[in-house]
Amino acid sequence: MSGVSRILMLLLGLLLMAGSVCAELEKNLVKSHPLGKQPVDVAQSVSDGRLFVLLETGEVQIFSADGQPQELFKVGAGVTSLEVSPDGQTLYLGNSKSNELQILAIAHVQQLPVGSSAVKGDADAPVTITLFDDFQCPYCAKLVPTLDQVMAAYPKQVKVVFKHFPLSMHKFAKQAAVASIAARNQGKFWPLHDQLFANYNKLNNAKIRELAESVGLDMARFDQDVANPALLQEVNNDIQLGANAGVRGTPAAYINGLQLKDRSLKGFKMMIDAELKKAAK
């Protein structure tokens, strides 16, 4: 028997063996969503994990990635199938009554309370940019000059709200977030914010403390504050708020609750101008 024949026989044997193996499927119910109405179809957006459930009543119920019910809205009678675009911004609805494919653009407005977060700009500005950031994230650091340009272009119309979203891959991001809140307690959040981002790739506990001292903080009070578990809880609350809004990475920016996809200066300006136009009506 030739070498090629032996290889073919061996492969055939392996295939026959594989066919005779019995695999057992293990099933676990991960989560159950009470609906109160009969579901007809379901789809999930890739970008933020939201679930879209088509109900027999001609409504769509949206759930956040962690299972919290969000909007419930009418799409009309006769809709029997549903697909969602990867970014969750477009629904494709099959209507068996009218024999139509209906394409519905949706914009999810997140409720993002300011709370005790640091704010830059006029408190009464009609446009709010809410940022979810990580002090060790290079893309967040690169966004700082863009935001400075935005604030310079819209000094009275825009304010920035900073929310913490430290990623688990960044070892000192949570410590930096806590330190920035301690600085906020002394009225120096933004000076430390700028220093942390300027040194995003050098951060460790010693560097964070050095930067805190460099912006003129009362270090005895700073040390007391960073040891206070309430500050870490505030960071964790921001993380949960971001997760509920669909934040999966940083930076994430929302303008009046609408997620901004294009974080270039042009992208910011286009969305801000649209919001200002809405506010003027």
C-alpha atoms as a PDB file:
ATOM      1  CA  MET A   1       0.000   0.000   0.000  1.00  0.00           C
ATOM      2  CA  SER A   2       1.396   3.377  -0.962  1.00  0.00           C
ATOM      3  CA  GLY A   3       1.942   6.211   1.495  1.00  0.00           C
ATOM      4  CA  VAL A   4      -0.941   8.172  -0.048  1.00  0.00           C
ATOM      5  CA  SER A   5      -3.262   5.157   0.273  1.00  0.00           C
ATOM      6  CA  ARG A   6      -2.309   4.696   3.924  1.00  0.00           C
ATOM      7  CA  ILE A   7      -3.079   8.387   4.642  1.00  0.00           C
ATOM      8  CA  LEU A   8      -6.451   8.082   2.891  1.00  0.00           C
ATOM      9  CA  MET A   9      -7.309   4.928   4.855  1.00  0.00           C
ATOM     10  CA  LEU A  10      -6.292   6.644   8.105  1.00  0.00           C
ATOM     11  CA  LEU A  11      -8.459   9.680   7.342  1.00  0.00           C
ATOM     12  CA  LEU A  12     -11.394   7.412   6.471  1.00  0.00           C
ATOM     13  CA  GLY A  13     -10.957   5.578   9.759  1.00  0.00           C
ATOM     14  CA  LEU A  14     -10.914   8.834  11.698  1.00  0.00           C
ATOM     15  CA  LEU A  15     -14.096   9.986   9.965  1.00  0.00           C
ATOM     16  CA  LEU A  16     -15.845   6.713  10.788  1.00  0.00           C
ATOM     17  CA  MET A  17     -14.733   6.988  14.416  1.00  0.00           C
ATOM     18  CA  ALA A  18     -15.929  10.601  14.616  1.00  0.00           C
ATOM     19  CA  GLY A  19     -19.308   9.581  13.237  1.00  0.00           C
ATOM     20  CA  SER A  20     -19.759   6.978  15.968  1.00  0.00           C
ATOM     21  CA  VAL A  21     -19.040   9.384  18.832  1.00  0.00           C
ATOM     22  CA  CYS A  22     -22.162  10.444  20.714  1.00  0.00           C
ATOM     23  CA  ALA A  23     -22.028  14.008  22.088  1.00  0.00           C
ATOM     24  CA  GLU A  24     -24.356  15.188  24.820  1.00  0.00           C
ATOM     25  CA  LEU A  25     -25.762  18.708  24.594  1.00  0.00           C
ATOM     26  CA  GLU A  26     -25.699  20.569  27.887  1.00  0.00           C
ATOM     27  CA  LYS A  27     -28.387  23.221  28.297  1.00  0.00           C
ATOM     28  CA  ASN A  28     -28.621  25.980  30.896  1.00  0.00           C
ATOM     29  CA  LEU A  29     -31.302  28.662  31.067  1.00  0.00           C
ATOM     30  CA  VAL A  30     -29.244  31.852  31.242  1.00  0.00           C
ATOM     31  CA  LYS A  31     -32.046  34.383  31.592  1.00  0.00           C
ATOM     32  CA  SER A  32     -35.807  34.697  31.199  1.00  0.00           C
ATOM     33  CA  HIS A  33     -37.567  37.927  30.185  1.00  0.00           C
ATOM     34  CA  PRO A  34     -41.233  38.208  31.262  1.00  0.00           C
ATOM     35  CA  LEU A  35     -43.136  39.731  28.333  1.00  0.00           C
ATOM     36  CA  GLY A  36     -46.829  39.533  29.215  1.00  0.00           C
ATOM     37  CA  LYS A  37     -47.565  39.182  25.490  1.00  0.00           C
ATOM     38  CA  GLN A  38     -46.806  36.472  22.957  1.00  0.00           C
ATOM     39  CA  PRO A  39     -43.437  36.924  21.198  1.00  0.00           C
ATOM     40  CA  VAL A  40     -43.389  36.541  17.424  1.00  0.00           C
ATOM     41  CA  ASP A  41     -39.714  37.132  16.592  1.00  0.00           C
ATOM     42  CA  VAL A  42     -36.497  38.248  18.280  1.00  0.00           C
ATOM     43  CA  ALA A  43     -33.222  39.833  17.130  1.00  0.00           C
ATOM     44  CA  GLN A  44     -30.104  41.171  18.830  1.00  0.00           C
ATOM     45  CA  SER A  45     -27.863  44.090  17.882  1.00  0.00           C
ATOM     46  CA  VAL A  46     -24.188  43.164  17.627  1.00  0.00           C
ATOM     47  CA  SER A  47     -22.778  46.504  18.797  1.00  0.00           C
ATOM     48  CA  ASP A  48     -24.475  46.813  22.178  1.00  0.00           C
ATOM     49  CA  GLY A  49     -26.174  43.466  22.817  1.00  0.00           C
ATOM     50  CA  ARG A  50     -29.704  44.915  23.013  1.00  0.00           C
ATOM     51  CA  LEU A  51     -32.581  42.503  22.386  1.00  0.00           C
ATOM     52  CA  PHE A  52     -35.509  43.468  20.146  1.00  0.00           C
ATOM     53  CA  VAL A  53     -38.644  41.366  20.685  1.00  0.00           C
ATOM     54  CA  LEU A  54     -41.540  41.572  18.227  1.00  0.00           C
ATOM     55  CA  LEU A  55     -44.854  40.965  20.024  1.00  0.00           C
ATOM     56  CA  GLU A  56     -48.158  39.678  18.622  1.00  0.00           C
ATOM     57  CA  THR A  57     -49.697  43.085  19.377  1.00  0.00           C
ATOM     58  CA  GLY A  58     -47.576  44.730  16.655  1.00  0.00           C
ATOM     59  CA  GLU A  59     -45.181  46.218  19.189  1.00  0.00           C
ATOM     60  CA  VAL A  60     -41.430  45.912  19.712  1.00  0.00           C
ATOM     61  CA  GLN A  61     -40.014  45.642  23.224  1.00  0.00           C
ATOM     62  CA  ILE A  62     -36.331  46.521  23.642  1.00  0.00           C
ATOM     63  CA  PHE A  63     -34.197  45.038  26.426  1.00  0.00           C
ATOM     64  CA  SER A  64     -30.736  46.258  27.402  1.00  0.00           C
ATOM     65  CA  ALA A  65     -27.827  43.797  27.236  1.00  0.00           C
ATOM     66  CA  ASP A  66     -28.281  42.974  30.928  1.00  0.00           C
ATOM     67  CA  GLY A  67     -32.010  42.321  30.506  1.00  0.00           C
ATOM     68  CA  GLN A  68     -33.527  45.624  31.637  1.00  0.00           C
ATOM     69  CA  PRO A  69     -36.696  46.581  29.711  1.00  0.00           C
ATOM     70  CA  GLN A  70     -36.301  49.792  27.731  1.00  0.00           C
ATOM     71  CA  GLU A  71     -38.635  51.187  25.051  1.00  0.00           C
ATOM     72  CA  LEU A  72     -41.887  49.586  23.958  1.00  0.00           C
ATOM     73  CA  PHE A  73     -43.212  50.999  20.683  1.00  0.00           C
ATOM     74  CA  LYS A  74     -45.751  50.232  17.948  1.00  0.00           C
ATOM     75  CA  VAL A  75     -44.672  49.009  14.512  1.00  0.00           C
ATOM     76  CA  GLY A  76     -48.170  48.148  13.272  1.00  0.00           C
ATOM     77  CA  ALA A  77     -50.399  45.167  12.578  1.00  0.00           C
ATOM     78  CA  GLY A  78     -49.252  42.534  10.130  1.00  0.00           C
ATOM     79  CA  VAL A  79     -45.568  42.635  11.075  1.00  0.00           C
ATOM     80  CA  THR A  80     -44.468  39.030  11.550  1.00  0.00           C
ATOM     81  CA  SER A  81     -40.666  39.108  11.245  1.00  0.00           C
ATOM     82  CA  LEU A  82     -37.891  41.291  12.575  1.00  0.00           C
ATOM     83  CA  GLU A  83     -34.192  41.770  11.881  1.00  0.00           C
ATOM     84  CA  VAL A  84     -31.878  44.409  13.324  1.00  0.00           C
ATOM     85  CA  SER A  85     -28.758  46.021  11.855  1.00  0.00           C
ATOM     86  CA  PRO A  86     -25.437  45.312  13.633  1.00  0.00           C
ATOM     87  CA  ASP A  87     -25.393  48.810  15.171  1.00  0.00           C
ATOM     88  CA  GLY A  88     -28.979  48.514  16.428  1.00  0.00           C
ATOM     89  CA  GLN A  89     -30.041  51.675  14.569  1.00  0.00           C
ATOM     90  CA  THR A  90     -32.214  50.081  11.857  1.00  0.00           C
ATOM     91  CA  LEU A  91     -35.063  47.556  12.059  1.00  0.00           C
ATOM     92  CA  TYR A  92     -36.117  45.439   9.085  1.00  0.00           C
ATOM     93  CA  LEU A  93     -39.766  44.448   9.466  1.00  0.00           C
ATOM     94  CA  GLY A  94     -41.565  41.882   7.333  1.00  0.00           C
ATOM     95  CA  ASN A  95     -45.273  42.713   6.975  1.00  0.00           C
ATOM     96  CA  SER A  96     -47.320  39.695   5.860  1.00  0.00           C
ATOM     97  CA  LYS A  97     -50.489  41.791   5.532  1.00  0.00           C
ATOM     98  CA  SER A  98     -49.134  44.310   3.041  1.00  0.00           C
ATOM     99  CA  ASN A  99     -46.396  42.018   1.673  1.00  0.00           C
ATOM    100  CA  GLU A 100     -43.811  44.708   2.379  1.00  0.00           C
ATOM    101  CA  LEU A 101     -40.361  44.964   3.871  1.00  0.00           C
ATOM    102  CA  GLN A 102     -40.430  48.014   6.123  1.00  0.00           C
ATOM    103  CA  ILE A 103     -37.158  49.679   7.116  1.00  0.00           C
ATOM    104  CA  LEU A 104     -37.387  51.645  10.341  1.00  0.00           C
ATOM    105  CA  ALA A 105     -34.573  53.917  11.563  1.00  0.00           C
ATOM    106  CA  ILE A 106     -34.493  54.240  15.345  1.00  0.00           C
ATOM    107  CA  ALA A 107     -32.472  56.429  17.669  1.00  0.00           C
ATOM    108  CA  HIS A 108     -32.274  55.307  21.276  1.00  0.00           C
ATOM    109  CA  VAL A 109     -32.102  58.277  23.655  1.00  0.00           C
ATOM    110  CA  GLN A 110     -30.286  57.195  26.808  1.00  0.00           C
ATOM    111  CA  GLN A 111     -31.196  58.678  30.180  1.00  0.00           C
ATOM    112  CA  LEU A 112     -27.800  59.695  31.570  1.00  0.00           C
ATOM    113  CA  PRO A 113     -28.219  61.746  34.750  1.00  0.00           C
ATOM    114  CA  VAL A 114     -25.388  64.120  35.603  1.00  0.00           C
ATOM    115  CA  GLY A 115     -25.464  63.267  39.301  1.00  0.00           C
ATOM    116  CA  SER A 116     -22.239  64.282  41.025  1.00  0.00           C
ATOM    117  CA  SER A 117     -20.113  63.872  37.877  1.00  0.00           C
ATOM    118  CA  ALA A 118     -17.570  66.502  36.845  1.00  0.00           C
ATOM    119  CA  VAL A 119     -18.994  69.017  34.363  1.00  0.00           C
ATOM    120  CA  LYS A 120     -17.160  71.406  32.033  1.00  0.00           C
ATOM    121  CA  GLY A 121     -19.003  74.287  30.405  1.00  0.00           C
ATOM    122  CA  ASP A 122     -22.169  76.281  31.011  1.00  0.00           C
ATOM    123  CA  ALA A 123     -24.511  74.352  33.331  1.00  0.00           C
ATOM    124  CA  ASP A 124     -27.505  75.672  31.335  1.00  0.00           C
ATOM    125  CA  ALA A 125     -26.100  74.688  27.920  1.00  0.00           C
ATOM    126  CA  PRO A 126     -28.772  73.064  25.709  1.00  0.00           C
ATOM    127  CA  VAL A 127     -26.401  70.338  24.503  1.00  0.00           C
ATOM    128  CA  THR A 128     -24.815  67.829  26.861  1.00  0.00           C
ATOM    129  CA  ILE A 129     -21.920  65.615  25.799  1.00  0.00           C
ATOM    130  CA  THR A 130     -21.693  62.648  28.163  1.00  0.00           C
ATOM    131  CA  LEU A 131     -18.375  60.823  27.947  1.00  0.00           C
ATOM    132  CA  PHE A 132     -17.565  57.367  29.263  1.00  0.00           C
ATOM    133  CA  ASP A 133     -13.774  57.325  29.554  1.00  0.00           C
ATOM    134  CA  ASP A 134     -10.802  55.342  30.855  1.00  0.00           C
ATOM    135  CA  PHE A 135      -7.646  57.202  31.929  1.00  0.00           C
ATOM    136  CA  GLN A 136      -5.382  54.471  30.474  1.00  0.00           C
ATOM    137  CA  CYS A 137      -7.180  54.343  27.129  1.00  0.00           C
ATOM    138  CA  PRO A 138      -5.041  55.784  24.284  1.00  0.00           C
ATOM    139  CA  TYR A 139      -8.120  56.611  22.193  1.00  0.00           C
ATOM    140  CA  CYS A 140      -9.623  58.542  25.120  1.00  0.00           C
ATOM    141  CA  ALA A 141      -6.372  60.494  25.467  1.00  0.00           C
ATOM    142  CA  LYS A 142      -6.448  61.327  21.740  1.00  0.00           C
ATOM    143  CA  LEU A 143     -10.001  62.633  22.096  1.00  0.00           C
ATOM    144  CA  VAL A 144      -9.044  65.324  24.656  1.00  0.00           C
ATOM    145  CA  PRO A 145      -7.809  67.912  22.066  1.00  0.00           C
ATOM    146  CA  THR A 146     -10.916  67.306  19.930  1.00  0.00           C
ATOM    147  CA  LEU A 147     -13.152  68.045  22.904  1.00  0.00           C
ATOM    148  CA  ASP A 148     -11.171  71.198  23.638  1.00  0.00           C
ATOM    149  CA  GLN A 149     -11.896  72.319  20.064  1.00  0.00           C
ATOM    150  CA  VAL A 150     -15.584  71.491  20.499  1.00  0.00           C
ATOM    151  CA  MET A 151     -15.785  73.536  23.703  1.00  0.00           C
ATOM    152  CA  ALA A 152     -13.995  76.448  22.026  1.00  0.00           C
ATOM    153  CA  ALA A 153     -16.476  76.353  19.122  1.00  0.00           C
ATOM    154  CA  TYR A 154     -19.570  76.138  21.364  1.00  0.00           C
ATOM    155  CA  PRO A 155     -18.659  77.933  24.623  1.00  0.00           C
ATOM    156  CA  LYS A 156     -22.264  78.626  25.679  1.00  0.00           C
ATOM    157  CA  GLN A 157     -24.136  75.869  23.871  1.00  0.00           C
ATOM    158  CA  VAL A 158     -22.290  72.737  25.056  1.00  0.00           C
ATOM    159  CA  LYS A 159     -21.287  71.183  28.352  1.00  0.00           C
ATOM    160  CA  VAL A 160     -19.283  67.989  28.914  1.00  0.00           C
ATOM    161  CA  VAL A 161     -20.160  65.463  31.617  1.00  0.00           C
ATOM    162  CA  PHE A 162     -17.424  62.977  32.510  1.00  0.00           C
ATOM    163  CA  LYS A 163     -18.398  59.405  33.444  1.00  0.00           C
ATOM    164  CA  HIS A 164     -15.931  56.712  34.442  1.00  0.00           C
ATOM    165  CA  PHE A 165     -15.678  53.461  32.476  1.00  0.00           C
ATOM    166  CA  PRO A 166     -12.296  51.925  33.407  1.00  0.00           C
ATOM    167  CA  LEU A 167     -11.648  48.756  31.416  1.00  0.00           C
ATOM    168  CA  SER A 168     -10.532  45.620  33.252  1.00  0.00           C
ATOM    169  CA  MET A 169      -7.521  45.272  30.920  1.00  0.00           C
ATOM    170  CA  HIS A 170      -6.075  48.514  32.312  1.00  0.00           C
ATOM    171  CA  LYS A 171      -4.473  47.796  35.676  1.00  0.00           C
ATOM    172  CA  PHE A 172      -4.511  51.330  37.109  1.00  0.00           C
ATOM    173  CA  ALA A 173      -7.596  52.772  35.396  1.00  0.00           C
ATOM    174  CA  LYS A 174      -9.852  52.360  38.435  1.00  0.00           C
ATOM    175  CA  GLN A 175      -7.248  53.891  40.742  1.00  0.00           C
ATOM    176  CA  ALA A 176      -6.947  56.844  38.361  1.00  0.00           C
ATOM    177  CA  ALA A 177     -10.732  57.225  38.275  1.00  0.00           C
ATOM    178  CA  VAL A 178     -10.926  57.266  42.086  1.00  0.00           C
ATOM    179  CA  ALA A 179      -8.055  59.784  42.222  1.00  0.00           C
ATOM    180  CA  SER A 180      -9.883  62.084  39.797  1.00  0.00           C
ATOM    181  CA  ILE A 181     -12.989  62.028  42.010  1.00  0.00           C
ATOM    182  CA  ALA A 182     -10.810  62.914  44.997  1.00  0.00           C
ATOM    183  CA  ALA A 183      -9.480  65.834  42.923  1.00  0.00           C
ATOM    184  CA  ARG A 184     -13.053  66.826  42.035  1.00  0.00           C
ATOM    185  CA  ASN A 185     -13.796  67.022  45.767  1.00  0.00           C
ATOM    186  CA  GLN A 186     -11.135  69.742  45.909  1.00  0.00           C
ATOM    187  CA  GLY A 187     -12.352  71.520  42.765  1.00  0.00           C
ATOM    188  CA  LYS A 188      -9.480  70.244  40.603  1.00  0.00           C
ATOM    189  CA  PHE A 189     -10.961  67.417  38.558  1.00  0.00           C
ATOM    190  CA  TRP A 190     -10.129  68.896  35.141  1.00  0.00           C
ATOM    191  CA  PRO A 191      -6.478  69.776  35.906  1.00  0.00           C
ATOM    192  CA  LEU A 192      -5.877  66.205  37.113  1.00  0.00           C
ATOM    193  CA  HIS A 193      -7.946  64.839  34.205  1.00  0.00           C
ATOM    194  CA  ASP A 194      -5.573  66.585  31.771  1.00  0.00           C
ATOM    195  CA  GLN A 195      -2.459  65.306  33.555  1.00  0.00           C
ATOM    196  CA  LEU A 196      -3.738  61.729  33.749  1.00  0.00           C
ATOM    197  CA  PHE A 197      -4.459  61.649  30.025  1.00  0.00           C
ATOM    198  CA  ALA A 198      -1.132  63.314  29.199  1.00  0.00           C
ATOM    199  CA  ASN A 199       0.538  60.413  31.054  1.00  0.00           C
ATOM    200  CA  TYR A 200      -1.966  57.647  30.203  1.00  0.00           C
ATOM    201  CA  ASN A 201       0.777  55.177  29.232  1.00  0.00           C
ATOM    202  CA  LYS A 202       2.861  55.772  32.382  1.00  0.00           C
ATOM    203  CA  LEU A 203       0.215  55.404  35.082  1.00  0.00           C
ATOM    204  CA  ASN A 204       0.777  53.424  38.259  1.00  0.00           C
ATOM    205  CA  ASN A 205      -0.092  54.185  41.873  1.00  0.00           C
ATOM    206  CA  ALA A 206       3.038  56.272  42.437  1.00  0.00           C
ATOM    207  CA  LYS A 207       2.571  58.238  39.192  1.00  0.00           C
ATOM    208  CA  ILE A 208      -1.081  58.943  39.952  1.00  0.00           C
ATOM    209  CA  ARG A 209      -0.131  60.333  43.374  1.00  0.00           C
ATOM    210  CA  GLU A 210       2.682  62.389  41.831  1.00  0.00           C
ATOM    211  CA  LEU A 211       0.258  63.931  39.326  1.00  0.00           C
ATOM    212  CA  ALA A 212      -2.264  64.650  42.082  1.00  0.00           C
ATOM    213  CA  GLU A 213       0.417  66.523  43.987  1.00  0.00           C
ATOM    214  CA  SER A 214       1.492  68.404  40.847  1.00  0.00           C
ATOM    215  CA  VAL A 215      -1.958  69.998  40.421  1.00  0.00           C
ATOM    216  CA  GLY A 216      -1.837  71.398  43.960  1.00  0.00           C
ATOM    217  CA  LEU A 217      -4.100  69.030  45.886  1.00  0.00           C
ATOM    218  CA  ASP A 218      -4.139  68.835  49.668  1.00  0.00           C
ATOM    219  CA  MET A 219      -2.470  65.416  49.782  1.00  0.00           C
ATOM    220  CA  ALA A 220      -3.605  64.531  53.304  1.00  0.00           C
ATOM    221  CA  ARG A 221      -7.207  65.027  52.222  1.00  0.00           C
ATOM    222  CA  PHE A 222      -6.508  63.273  48.908  1.00  0.00           C
ATOM    223  CA  ASP A 223      -5.163  60.176  50.686  1.00  0.00           C
ATOM    224  CA  GLN A 224      -8.174  60.139  52.983  1.00  0.00           C
ATOM    225  CA  ASP A 225     -10.601  60.454  50.068  1.00  0.00           C
ATOM    226  CA  VAL A 226      -9.079  57.739  47.860  1.00  0.00           C
ATOM    227  CA  ALA A 227      -9.396  55.327  50.797  1.00  0.00           C
ATOM    228  CA  ASN A 228     -13.117  56.104  51.063  1.00  0.00           C
ATOM    229  CA  PRO A 229     -15.114  53.213  49.500  1.00  0.00           C
ATOM    230  CA  ALA A 230     -17.810  55.687  48.415  1.00  0.00           C
ATOM    231  CA  LEU A 231     -15.509  56.952  45.646  1.00  0.00           C
ATOM    232  CA  LEU A 232     -14.986  53.473  44.219  1.00  0.00           C
ATOM    233  CA  GLN A 233     -18.737  52.920  44.429  1.00  0.00           C
ATOM    234  CA  GLU A 234     -19.264  56.049  42.338  1.00  0.00           C
ATOM    235  CA  VAL A 235     -16.936  54.617  39.683  1.00  0.00           C
ATOM    236  CA  ASN A 236     -18.832  51.317  39.742  1.00  0.00           C
ATOM    237  CA  ASN A 237     -22.143  53.183  39.422  1.00  0.00           C
ATOM    238  CA  ASP A 238     -20.814  54.911  36.291  1.00  0.00           C
ATOM    239  CA  ILE A 239     -19.724  51.556  34.876  1.00  0.00           C
ATOM    240  CA  GLN A 240     -23.211  50.147  35.436  1.00  0.00           C
ATOM    241  CA  LEU A 241     -24.832  53.221  33.892  1.00  0.00           C
ATOM    242  CA  GLY A 242     -22.597  52.864  30.849  1.00  0.00           C
ATOM    243  CA  ALA A 243     -23.244  49.137  30.531  1.00  0.00           C
ATOM    244  CA  ASN A 244     -27.005  49.751  30.643  1.00  0.00           C
ATOM    245  CA  ALA A 245     -26.584  52.349  27.882  1.00  0.00           C
ATOM    246  CA  GLY A 246     -24.716  49.845  25.713  1.00  0.00           C
ATOM    247  CA  VAL A 247     -21.149  51.029  26.326  1.00  0.00           C
ATOM    248  CA  ARG A 248     -18.720  48.227  25.467  1.00  0.00           C
ATOM    249  CA  GLY A 249     -15.484  50.166  25.052  1.00  0.00           C
ATOM    250  CA  THR A 250     -13.962  53.591  25.420  1.00  0.00           C
ATOM    251  CA  PRO A 251     -14.266  56.349  24.570  1.00  0.00           C
ATOM    252  CA  ALA A 252     -18.052  56.375  24.270  1.00  0.00           C
ATOM    253  CA  ALA A 253     -19.793  59.693  23.650  1.00  0.00           C
ATOM    254  CA  TYR A 254     -23.473  60.581  23.865  1.00  0.00           C
ATOM    255  CA  ILE A 255     -24.937  63.904  22.762  1.00  0.00           C
ATOM    256  CA  ASN A 256     -28.208  64.645  24.536  1.00  0.00           C
ATOM    257  CA  GLY A 257     -28.487  60.907  25.132  1.00  0.00           C
ATOM    258  CA  LEU A 258     -27.865  59.874  21.508  1.00  0.00           C
ATOM    259  CA  GLN A 259     -24.750  57.823  20.849  1.00  0.00           C
ATOM    260  CA  LEU A 260     -22.163  59.548  18.665  1.00  0.00           C
ATOM    261  CA  LYS A 261     -20.504  57.159  16.223  1.00  0.00           C
ATOM    262  CA  ASP A 262     -18.200  59.628  14.445  1.00  0.00           C
ATOM    263  CA  ARG A 263     -15.939  61.133  17.128  1.00  0.00           C
ATOM    264  CA  SER A 264     -14.073  63.426  14.730  1.00  0.00           C
ATOM    265  CA  LEU A 265     -14.472  67.191  15.154  1.00  0.00           C
ATOM    266  CA  LYS A 266     -16.761  67.152  12.110  1.00  0.00           C
ATOM    267  CA  GLY A 267     -18.836  64.349  13.641  1.00  0.00           C
ATOM    268  CA  PHE A 268     -19.262  66.246  16.910  1.00  0.00           C
ATOM    269  CA  LYS A 269     -20.209  69.456  15.101  1.00  0.00           C
ATOM    270  CA  MET A 270     -22.788  67.773  12.857  1.00  0.00           C
ATOM    271  CA  MET A 271     -24.610  66.195  15.784  1.00  0.00           C
ATOM    272  CA  ILE A 272     -24.346  69.283  18.014  1.00  0.00           C
ATOM    273  CA  ASP A 273     -25.739  71.485  15.229  1.00  0.00           C
ATOM    274  CA  ALA A 274     -28.631  69.041  14.749  1.00  0.00           C
ATOM    275  CA  GLU A 275     -29.424  69.172  18.477  1.00  0.00           C
ATOM    276  CA  LEU A 276     -29.217  72.973  18.529  1.00  0.00           C
ATOM    277  CA  LYS A 277     -31.603  73.088  15.567  1.00  0.00           C
ATOM    278  CA  LYS A 278     -34.052  70.859  17.456  1.00  0.00           C
ATOM    279  CA  ALA A 279     -33.767  73.048  20.564  1.00  0.00           C
ATOM    280  CA  ALA A 280     -34.528  76.177  18.516  1.00  0.00           C
ATOM    281  CA  LYS A 281     -37.871  74.842  17.244  1.00  0.00           C
END
